[in-house]
Protein backbone atom coordinates (compact mmCIF):
# COMPACT_ATOMS: atom_id res chain seq x y z
CA MET A 1 33.90 -33.04 57.37
CA TYR A 2 33.13 -30.92 54.52
CA ARG A 3 35.23 -28.05 53.64
CA THR A 4 33.74 -24.98 52.02
CA ARG A 5 35.78 -23.00 49.75
CA THR A 6 35.27 -19.29 49.57
CA THR A 7 36.53 -17.76 46.43
CA LYS A 8 35.99 -14.31 45.22
CA ARG A 9 34.49 -14.52 41.76
CA PRO A 10 34.39 -11.47 39.56
CA ALA A 11 30.85 -10.10 39.12
CA PHE A 12 29.11 -6.92 38.06
CA SER A 13 27.98 -4.56 40.74
CA LEU A 14 24.40 -3.30 40.81
CA MET A 15 25.57 0.15 39.76
CA GLU A 16 27.34 -1.23 36.67
CA LEU A 17 24.21 -3.14 35.65
CA VAL A 18 22.06 -0.02 36.04
CA ILE A 19 24.45 2.01 33.88
CA VAL A 20 24.44 -0.66 31.14
CA MET A 21 20.62 -0.83 31.19
CA PHE A 22 20.46 2.98 30.98
CA ILE A 23 22.75 3.01 27.93
CA LEU A 24 20.73 0.24 26.24
CA GLY A 25 17.55 2.23 26.89
CA ILE A 26 19.01 5.30 25.21
CA LEU A 27 20.11 3.25 22.18
CA ALA A 28 16.65 1.68 21.90
CA ALA A 29 15.00 5.11 22.10
CA ILE A 30 17.13 6.24 19.18
CA ALA A 31 16.79 3.10 17.03
CA ILE A 32 13.09 2.23 17.37
CA PRO A 33 11.66 5.42 15.79
CA ARG A 34 14.04 5.05 12.86
CA ILE A 35 12.83 1.51 12.26
CA GLY A 36 9.23 2.71 12.37
CA SER A 37 9.84 5.52 9.89
CA THR A 38 11.56 3.05 7.56
CA ALA A 39 8.46 0.86 7.58
CA ASP A 40 6.25 3.88 6.84
CA ARG A 41 8.54 4.94 4.01
CA ALA A 42 8.42 1.42 2.53
CA LYS A 43 4.62 1.41 2.64
CA ALA A 44 4.44 4.87 1.06
CA GLU A 45 6.79 3.80 -1.72
CA ALA A 46 4.76 0.62 -2.28
CA VAL A 47 1.59 2.72 -2.59
CA GLU A 48 3.28 5.07 -5.05
CA SER A 49 4.57 2.13 -7.10
CA SER A 50 1.15 0.47 -7.21
CA LEU A 51 -0.53 3.73 -8.17
CA GLN A 52 1.97 4.35 -10.96
CA GLU A 53 1.53 0.83 -12.35
CA VAL A 54 -2.28 0.97 -12.37
CA ARG A 55 -2.36 4.51 -13.75
CA ASN A 56 -0.02 3.48 -16.58
CA ARG A 57 -2.26 0.51 -17.39
CA ILE A 58 -5.34 2.76 -17.44
CA GLU A 59 -3.55 4.96 -19.99
CA VAL A 60 -2.77 1.92 -22.16
CA TYR A 61 -6.42 0.82 -21.90
CA SER A 62 -7.53 4.31 -22.92
CA ALA A 63 -5.14 4.37 -25.89
CA GLU A 64 -6.38 1.00 -27.15
CA HIS A 65 -10.05 1.90 -26.63
CA LEU A 66 -10.03 5.20 -28.55
CA GLY A 67 -9.80 7.44 -25.48
CA CYS A 68 -12.40 5.63 -23.37
CA ILE A 69 -11.51 4.67 -19.81
CA PRO A 70 -12.66 1.62 -17.84
CA GLY A 71 -16.05 1.93 -16.16
CA LEU A 72 -17.77 0.18 -13.27
CA GLN A 73 -16.42 -3.14 -14.57
CA PHE A 74 -12.94 -1.80 -13.83
CA VAL A 75 -11.52 -4.99 -12.30
CA ALA A 76 -12.79 -7.21 -15.13
CA GLN A 77 -11.74 -4.71 -17.81
CA MET A 78 -8.23 -4.48 -16.40
CA THR A 79 -7.68 -8.20 -15.68
CA GLN A 80 -9.44 -9.86 -18.64
CA TYR A 81 -9.68 -9.48 -22.40
CA THR A 82 -11.80 -6.73 -23.95
CA ASP A 83 -13.11 -5.68 -27.33
CA ASN A 84 -13.23 -2.15 -28.82
CA GLN A 85 -16.24 -1.18 -26.67
CA GLY A 86 -14.76 -2.53 -23.41
CA THR A 87 -16.93 -5.66 -23.28
CA VAL A 88 -15.16 -8.30 -21.18
CA ASN A 89 -14.30 -11.90 -22.04
CA ALA A 90 -12.22 -14.38 -20.04
CA ALA A 91 -10.38 -15.75 -23.10
CA PRO A 92 -8.81 -14.03 -26.10
CA SER A 93 -10.53 -14.29 -29.46
CA PRO A 94 -10.52 -12.35 -32.74
CA LYS A 95 -13.15 -10.03 -31.22
CA PHE A 96 -11.50 -9.68 -27.78
CA LEU A 97 -8.01 -8.56 -28.71
CA PHE A 98 -7.09 -6.17 -25.91
CA GLY A 99 -5.75 -6.86 -22.42
CA PRO A 100 -5.35 -8.10 -19.87
CA TYR A 101 -3.66 -5.01 -18.47
CA LEU A 102 -3.07 -6.27 -14.94
CA HIS A 103 -2.67 -9.74 -13.49
CA GLU A 104 -4.64 -8.57 -10.45
CA ILE A 105 -5.48 -5.36 -8.65
CA PRO A 106 -2.63 -4.70 -6.18
CA LYS A 107 -3.35 -4.52 -2.46
CA ASN A 108 -3.03 -1.24 -0.63
CA PRO A 109 -0.15 -1.82 1.84
CA TYR A 110 -1.85 0.26 4.53
CA SER A 111 -5.13 -1.64 4.56
CA GLY A 112 -4.14 -4.93 2.91
CA SER A 113 -7.20 -4.55 0.68
CA ALA A 114 -7.53 -4.53 -3.09
CA ALA A 115 -11.16 -3.36 -2.92
CA ILE A 116 -12.11 -0.43 -5.11
CA ARG A 117 -14.57 2.31 -4.18
CA PHE A 118 -16.02 3.85 -7.34
CA LEU A 119 -16.55 7.61 -7.52
CA MET A 120 -19.22 8.57 -10.01
CA THR A 121 -20.43 12.14 -9.63
CA ALA A 122 -20.27 14.62 -6.77
CA GLY A 123 -20.98 12.74 -3.57
CA GLN A 124 -22.03 9.43 -5.12
CA THR A 125 -19.97 6.33 -4.51
CA GLN A 126 -20.36 2.63 -5.03
CA GLY A 127 -18.28 -0.15 -3.53
CA ALA A 128 -16.11 -0.66 -0.46
CA ARG A 129 -15.74 1.86 2.36
CA THR A 130 -15.05 2.21 6.09
CA VAL A 131 -13.35 -1.08 6.97
CA ASP A 132 -12.39 -2.41 3.55
CA ARG A 133 -10.34 0.46 2.15
CA GLY A 134 -8.05 -0.17 -0.77
CA TRP A 135 -8.40 2.21 -3.69
CA THR A 136 -10.74 4.73 -5.28
CA TYR A 137 -11.45 4.96 -8.99
CA ASN A 138 -13.31 7.85 -10.58
CA VAL A 139 -15.25 6.43 -13.53
CA VAL A 140 -15.70 9.92 -15.02
CA THR A 141 -12.08 11.14 -14.93
CA GLY A 142 -10.19 7.83 -14.70
CA GLU A 143 -8.34 8.96 -11.56
CA PHE A 144 -7.04 6.03 -9.49
CA ALA A 145 -5.97 6.82 -5.91
CA ALA A 146 -5.35 5.26 -2.51
CA ASP A 147 -8.51 5.18 -0.37
CA CYS A 148 -6.88 6.33 2.86
CA SER A 149 -8.28 9.79 3.50
CA ASP A 150 -7.53 9.65 7.23
CA THR A 151 -4.08 8.08 6.95
CA ARG A 152 -1.04 10.32 6.84
CA VAL A 153 2.52 9.35 6.10
CA THR A 154 5.76 11.21 6.65
CA VAL A 155 8.08 11.30 3.65
CA ASP A 156 11.29 13.32 3.89
CA ALA A 157 10.04 15.14 7.02
CA GLU A 158 6.87 16.24 5.21
CA GLU A 159 3.51 14.82 6.29
CA ILE A 160 1.39 13.92 3.28
CA PRO A 161 -2.16 12.52 3.24
CA LEU A 162 -2.13 9.26 1.29
CA ASN A 163 -5.01 10.31 -0.89
CA LYS A 164 -2.68 13.01 -2.30
CA LEU A 165 -0.06 10.50 -3.54
């Protein structure tokens, strides 16, 4: 003969579980958008930091090259050694005294690309576009910008197109 023992164990009722799930849902609805906006803010700040660094290096290049800015050989001119005219060489020598200004071109945090689209004159471009968006560089004015014309970011409750950073 087996004897069964009936004990009353404490347990949650269905109503208590529903209330707890409802409260957790409300907390998640509050927390998740804040996490997302933090990630967007971090990306925007990373873009601003990268832009500031590259723009500063372009100014140094210009100062050392008598007011001239890098041209279509932008990546090589910024990451290798150059002479007075901006001719590039991989190693320093008495002729190639200037640079390198950057270790590498930083990646755009939004696209993950370091590709550069060159802006020459009105409407003419050369280089990456559509899928491979990283940066734009205007070889006439020396303006370096994020190549994200359709991407917008919210910073301090203000929506800003990335190409305006």
